[in-house]
């Protein structure tokens, strides 16, 4: 199987699980972390936000750290600033997720290596908005990425 098919299968597997931890969900409605949270929730995902300070986000209970999550939550979507990602991934690796998707511009080389070395399936360099019923600019971007064989 080629890398493109492997990558596509990982994305499909990740998105098939509707219970999803999300690290980096923001209380600020203008930030990408909030928009990602709102988008995923609107698409039917049951979200478990990891937020070190917030008790809840729009009525959804927040968890302080990955180890606080229910054991059934197996996938983590990361949309944190890079300076936070390594520490978060260290904690996520200890907790033991099956899959981690690090949103573009959230990943660091070290965070990827940490997760991969523990046998966790990792998705990077992809925007989740392009893979779940894309609309507007994301649909346009997806078309061109697919056209050039990089989807």
C-alpha atoms as a PDB file:
ATOM      1  CA  UNK A   1       0.000   0.000   0.000  1.00  0.00           C
ATOM      2  CA  UNK A   2       1.440   3.410  -0.880  1.00  0.00           C
ATOM      3  CA  UNK A   3       1.882   6.296   1.573  1.00  0.00           C
ATOM      4  CA  UNK A   4      -1.131   8.173   0.158  1.00  0.00           C
ATOM      5  CA  UNK A   5      -3.456   5.241   0.836  1.00  0.00           C
ATOM      6  CA  UNK A   6      -1.942   4.678   4.292  1.00  0.00           C
ATOM      7  CA  UNK A   7      -2.461   8.344   5.146  1.00  0.00           C
ATOM      8  CA  UNK A   8      -6.046   8.296   3.859  1.00  0.00           C
ATOM      9  CA  UNK A   9      -6.833   5.160   5.866  1.00  0.00           C
ATOM     10  CA  UNK A  10      -5.429   6.747   9.045  1.00  0.00           C
ATOM     11  CA  UNK A  11      -7.612   9.819   8.531  1.00  0.00           C
ATOM     12  CA  UNK A  12     -10.714   7.712   7.886  1.00  0.00           C
ATOM     13  CA  UNK A  13     -10.018   5.606  10.983  1.00  0.00           C
ATOM     14  CA  UNK A  14      -9.470   8.714  13.117  1.00  0.00           C
ATOM     15  CA  UNK A  15     -12.668  10.402  11.946  1.00  0.00           C
ATOM     16  CA  UNK A  16     -14.786   7.239  12.331  1.00  0.00           C
ATOM     17  CA  UNK A  17     -14.480   7.384  16.120  1.00  0.00           C
ATOM     18  CA  UNK A  18     -16.979  10.016  17.277  1.00  0.00           C
ATOM     19  CA  UNK A  19     -15.547  10.246  20.832  1.00  0.00           C
ATOM     20  CA  UNK A  20     -12.681  12.691  20.532  1.00  0.00           C
ATOM     21  CA  UNK A  21     -10.393  14.500  22.947  1.00  0.00           C
ATOM     22  CA  UNK A  22      -9.409  17.968  21.789  1.00  0.00           C
ATOM     23  CA  UNK A  23      -6.473  19.876  23.225  1.00  0.00           C
ATOM     24  CA  UNK A  24      -6.284  23.567  22.473  1.00  0.00           C
ATOM     25  CA  UNK A  25      -9.989  24.337  22.356  1.00  0.00           C
ATOM     26  CA  UNK A  26     -10.229  28.008  23.249  1.00  0.00           C
ATOM     27  CA  UNK A  27     -12.829  30.041  25.108  1.00  0.00           C
ATOM     28  CA  UNK A  28     -12.091  32.889  22.682  1.00  0.00           C
ATOM     29  CA  UNK A  29     -14.603  32.505  19.841  1.00  0.00           C
ATOM     30  CA  UNK A  30     -12.205  34.219  17.409  1.00  0.00           C
ATOM     31  CA  UNK A  31      -9.406  31.657  17.847  1.00  0.00           C
ATOM     32  CA  UNK A  32      -8.907  28.597  15.670  1.00  0.00           C
ATOM     33  CA  UNK A  33      -9.124  26.317  18.719  1.00  0.00           C
ATOM     34  CA  UNK A  34     -12.687  27.473  19.371  1.00  0.00           C
ATOM     35  CA  UNK A  35     -13.652  27.226  15.709  1.00  0.00           C
ATOM     36  CA  UNK A  36     -12.313  23.660  15.546  1.00  0.00           C
ATOM     37  CA  UNK A  37     -14.238  22.742  18.722  1.00  0.00           C
ATOM     38  CA  UNK A  38     -17.455  24.259  17.388  1.00  0.00           C
ATOM     39  CA  UNK A  39     -16.995  22.644  13.960  1.00  0.00           C
ATOM     40  CA  UNK A  40     -16.350  19.142  15.319  1.00  0.00           C
ATOM     41  CA  UNK A  41     -19.283  19.387  17.710  1.00  0.00           C
ATOM     42  CA  UNK A  42     -21.561  20.498  14.841  1.00  0.00           C
ATOM     43  CA  UNK A  43     -20.509  17.385  12.911  1.00  0.00           C
ATOM     44  CA  UNK A  44     -21.686  15.074  15.681  1.00  0.00           C
ATOM     45  CA  UNK A  45     -18.466  14.427  17.575  1.00  0.00           C
ATOM     46  CA  UNK A  46     -18.695  13.938  21.325  1.00  0.00           C
ATOM     47  CA  UNK A  47     -15.832  16.138  22.465  1.00  0.00           C
ATOM     48  CA  UNK A  48     -13.684  15.920  25.556  1.00  0.00           C
ATOM     49  CA  UNK A  49     -11.792  19.217  25.685  1.00  0.00           C
ATOM     50  CA  UNK A  50      -8.479  19.312  27.522  1.00  0.00           C
ATOM     51  CA  UNK A  51      -8.055  22.766  29.042  1.00  0.00           C
ATOM     52  CA  UNK A  52      -5.836  23.437  32.067  1.00  0.00           C
ATOM     53  CA  UNK A  53      -7.982  26.339  33.312  1.00  0.00           C
ATOM     54  CA  UNK A  54     -11.558  26.059  32.048  1.00  0.00           C
ATOM     55  CA  UNK A  55     -14.206  24.034  33.865  1.00  0.00           C
ATOM     56  CA  UNK A  56     -16.356  23.877  30.732  1.00  0.00           C
ATOM     57  CA  UNK A  57     -16.553  25.161  27.186  1.00  0.00           C
ATOM     58  CA  UNK A  58     -20.024  26.038  25.924  1.00  0.00           C
ATOM     59  CA  UNK A  59     -21.544  23.573  28.381  1.00  0.00           C
ATOM     60  CA  UNK A  60     -19.056  20.770  27.644  1.00  0.00           C
ATOM     61  CA  UNK A  61     -17.032  19.654  30.672  1.00  0.00           C
ATOM     62  CA  UNK A  62     -13.287  20.230  30.293  1.00  0.00           C
ATOM     63  CA  UNK A  63     -10.515  17.986  31.560  1.00  0.00           C
ATOM     64  CA  UNK A  64      -7.326  19.455  33.012  1.00  0.00           C
ATOM     65  CA  UNK A  65      -4.942  16.920  31.437  1.00  0.00           C
ATOM     66  CA  UNK A  66      -5.044  13.830  29.207  1.00  0.00           C
ATOM     67  CA  UNK A  67      -4.840  11.437  32.162  1.00  0.00           C
ATOM     68  CA  UNK A  68      -8.184  12.807  33.447  1.00  0.00           C
ATOM     69  CA  UNK A  69     -10.070  11.596  30.367  1.00  0.00           C
ATOM     70  CA  UNK A  70     -12.330   8.525  30.413  1.00  0.00           C
ATOM     71  CA  UNK A  71     -10.454   5.396  29.225  1.00  0.00           C
ATOM     72  CA  UNK A  72     -12.846   4.945  26.277  1.00  0.00           C
ATOM     73  CA  UNK A  73     -11.544   8.141  24.621  1.00  0.00           C
ATOM     74  CA  UNK A  74      -8.846   6.777  22.303  1.00  0.00           C
ATOM     75  CA  UNK A  75      -8.171   9.628  19.834  1.00  0.00           C
ATOM     76  CA  UNK A  76      -6.725  13.079  20.435  1.00  0.00           C
ATOM     77  CA  UNK A  77      -6.949  16.117  18.171  1.00  0.00           C
ATOM     78  CA  UNK A  78      -4.294  18.736  18.974  1.00  0.00           C
ATOM     79  CA  UNK A  79      -4.684  22.383  18.049  1.00  0.00           C
ATOM     80  CA  UNK A  80      -2.327  23.917  20.609  1.00  0.00           C
ATOM     81  CA  UNK A  81       0.389  26.513  20.031  1.00  0.00           C
ATOM     82  CA  UNK A  82       3.734  24.829  19.295  1.00  0.00           C
ATOM     83  CA  UNK A  83       5.262  25.958  22.592  1.00  0.00           C
ATOM     84  CA  UNK A  84       2.641  23.853  24.421  1.00  0.00           C
ATOM     85  CA  UNK A  85       2.550  20.801  22.149  1.00  0.00           C
ATOM     86  CA  UNK A  86       5.627  18.885  23.336  1.00  0.00           C
ATOM     87  CA  UNK A  87       4.540  18.873  26.977  1.00  0.00           C
ATOM     88  CA  UNK A  88       0.992  17.933  25.973  1.00  0.00           C
ATOM     89  CA  UNK A  89       2.199  15.058  23.791  1.00  0.00           C
ATOM     90  CA  UNK A  90       4.443  13.774  26.600  1.00  0.00           C
ATOM     91  CA  UNK A  91       1.367  13.594  28.810  1.00  0.00           C
ATOM     92  CA  UNK A  92      -0.757  12.100  26.000  1.00  0.00           C
ATOM     93  CA  UNK A  93       1.825   9.397  25.335  1.00  0.00           C
ATOM     94  CA  UNK A  94       1.833   8.444  29.024  1.00  0.00           C
ATOM     95  CA  UNK A  95      -1.967   8.271  28.954  1.00  0.00           C
ATOM     96  CA  UNK A  96      -1.895   6.029  25.856  1.00  0.00           C
ATOM     97  CA  UNK A  97      -4.005   7.169  22.909  1.00  0.00           C
ATOM     98  CA  UNK A  98      -4.466   5.050  19.780  1.00  0.00           C
ATOM     99  CA  UNK A  99      -4.271   8.027  17.415  1.00  0.00           C
ATOM    100  CA  UNK A 100      -3.198  11.666  17.577  1.00  0.00           C
ATOM    101  CA  UNK A 101      -3.925  14.282  14.918  1.00  0.00           C
ATOM    102  CA  UNK A 102      -1.722  17.356  15.278  1.00  0.00           C
ATOM    103  CA  UNK A 103      -3.266  20.218  13.335  1.00  0.00           C
ATOM    104  CA  UNK A 104      -0.977  22.027  10.935  1.00  0.00           C
ATOM    105  CA  UNK A 105       1.230  24.501  12.822  1.00  0.00           C
ATOM    106  CA  UNK A 106       0.638  22.703  16.135  1.00  0.00           C
ATOM    107  CA  UNK A 107       3.125  19.875  15.643  1.00  0.00           C
ATOM    108  CA  UNK A 108       6.829  19.976  16.392  1.00  0.00           C
ATOM    109  CA  UNK A 109       9.432  17.463  15.203  1.00  0.00           C
ATOM    110  CA  UNK A 110       9.883  16.319  18.807  1.00  0.00           C
ATOM    111  CA  UNK A 111       6.147  15.845  19.426  1.00  0.00           C
ATOM    112  CA  UNK A 112       5.828  13.665  16.324  1.00  0.00           C
ATOM    113  CA  UNK A 113       8.809  11.504  17.319  1.00  0.00           C
ATOM    114  CA  UNK A 114       7.489  11.132  20.891  1.00  0.00           C
ATOM    115  CA  UNK A 115       4.152   9.764  19.683  1.00  0.00           C
ATOM    116  CA  UNK A 116       5.465   7.611  16.840  1.00  0.00           C
ATOM    117  CA  UNK A 117       8.114   6.016  19.075  1.00  0.00           C
ATOM    118  CA  UNK A 118       5.310   4.853  21.388  1.00  0.00           C
ATOM    119  CA  UNK A 119       3.448   3.211  18.506  1.00  0.00           C
ATOM    120  CA  UNK A 120       0.721   5.837  18.277  1.00  0.00           C
ATOM    121  CA  UNK A 121      -0.696   6.511  14.807  1.00  0.00           C
ATOM    122  CA  UNK A 122      -0.009  10.169  14.056  1.00  0.00           C
ATOM    123  CA  UNK A 123      -1.568  12.482  11.484  1.00  0.00           C
ATOM    124  CA  UNK A 124       0.233  15.750  10.756  1.00  0.00           C
ATOM    125  CA  UNK A 125       0.441  18.391   8.074  1.00  0.00           C
ATOM    126  CA  UNK A 126      -3.298  18.189   7.429  1.00  0.00           C
ATOM    127  CA  UNK A 127      -6.222  20.456   8.295  1.00  0.00           C
ATOM    128  CA  UNK A 128      -9.148  18.536   9.779  1.00  0.00           C
ATOM    129  CA  UNK A 129     -11.586  21.005   8.168  1.00  0.00           C
ATOM    130  CA  UNK A 130     -10.665  19.576   4.732  1.00  0.00           C
ATOM    131  CA  UNK A 131     -11.763  16.062   5.666  1.00  0.00           C
ATOM    132  CA  UNK A 132     -15.144  16.480   7.335  1.00  0.00           C
ATOM    133  CA  UNK A 133     -17.750  17.789   4.902  1.00  0.00           C
ATOM    134  CA  UNK A 134     -15.595  20.727   3.709  1.00  0.00           C
ATOM    135  CA  UNK A 135     -17.378  23.960   2.756  1.00  0.00           C
ATOM    136  CA  UNK A 136     -16.275  27.245   1.233  1.00  0.00           C
ATOM    137  CA  UNK A 137     -12.533  27.836   1.238  1.00  0.00           C
ATOM    138  CA  UNK A 138     -11.830  24.417   2.712  1.00  0.00           C
ATOM    139  CA  UNK A 139     -13.699  22.696  -0.122  1.00  0.00           C
ATOM    140  CA  UNK A 140     -11.766  24.792  -2.637  1.00  0.00           C
ATOM    141  CA  UNK A 141      -8.468  23.956  -0.943  1.00  0.00           C
ATOM    142  CA  UNK A 142      -9.387  20.250  -0.780  1.00  0.00           C
ATOM    143  CA  UNK A 143     -10.130  20.256  -4.523  1.00  0.00           C
ATOM    144  CA  UNK A 144      -6.648  21.544  -5.342  1.00  0.00           C
ATOM    145  CA  UNK A 145      -4.883  19.299  -2.871  1.00  0.00           C
ATOM    146  CA  UNK A 146      -6.726  16.305  -4.341  1.00  0.00           C
ATOM    147  CA  UNK A 147      -6.063  17.483  -7.908  1.00  0.00           C
ATOM    148  CA  UNK A 148      -2.329  17.489  -7.248  1.00  0.00           C
ATOM    149  CA  UNK A 149      -2.403  14.101  -5.510  1.00  0.00           C
ATOM    150  CA  UNK A 150      -1.585  15.269  -1.982  1.00  0.00           C
ATOM    151  CA  UNK A 151      -4.896  14.525  -0.246  1.00  0.00           C
END
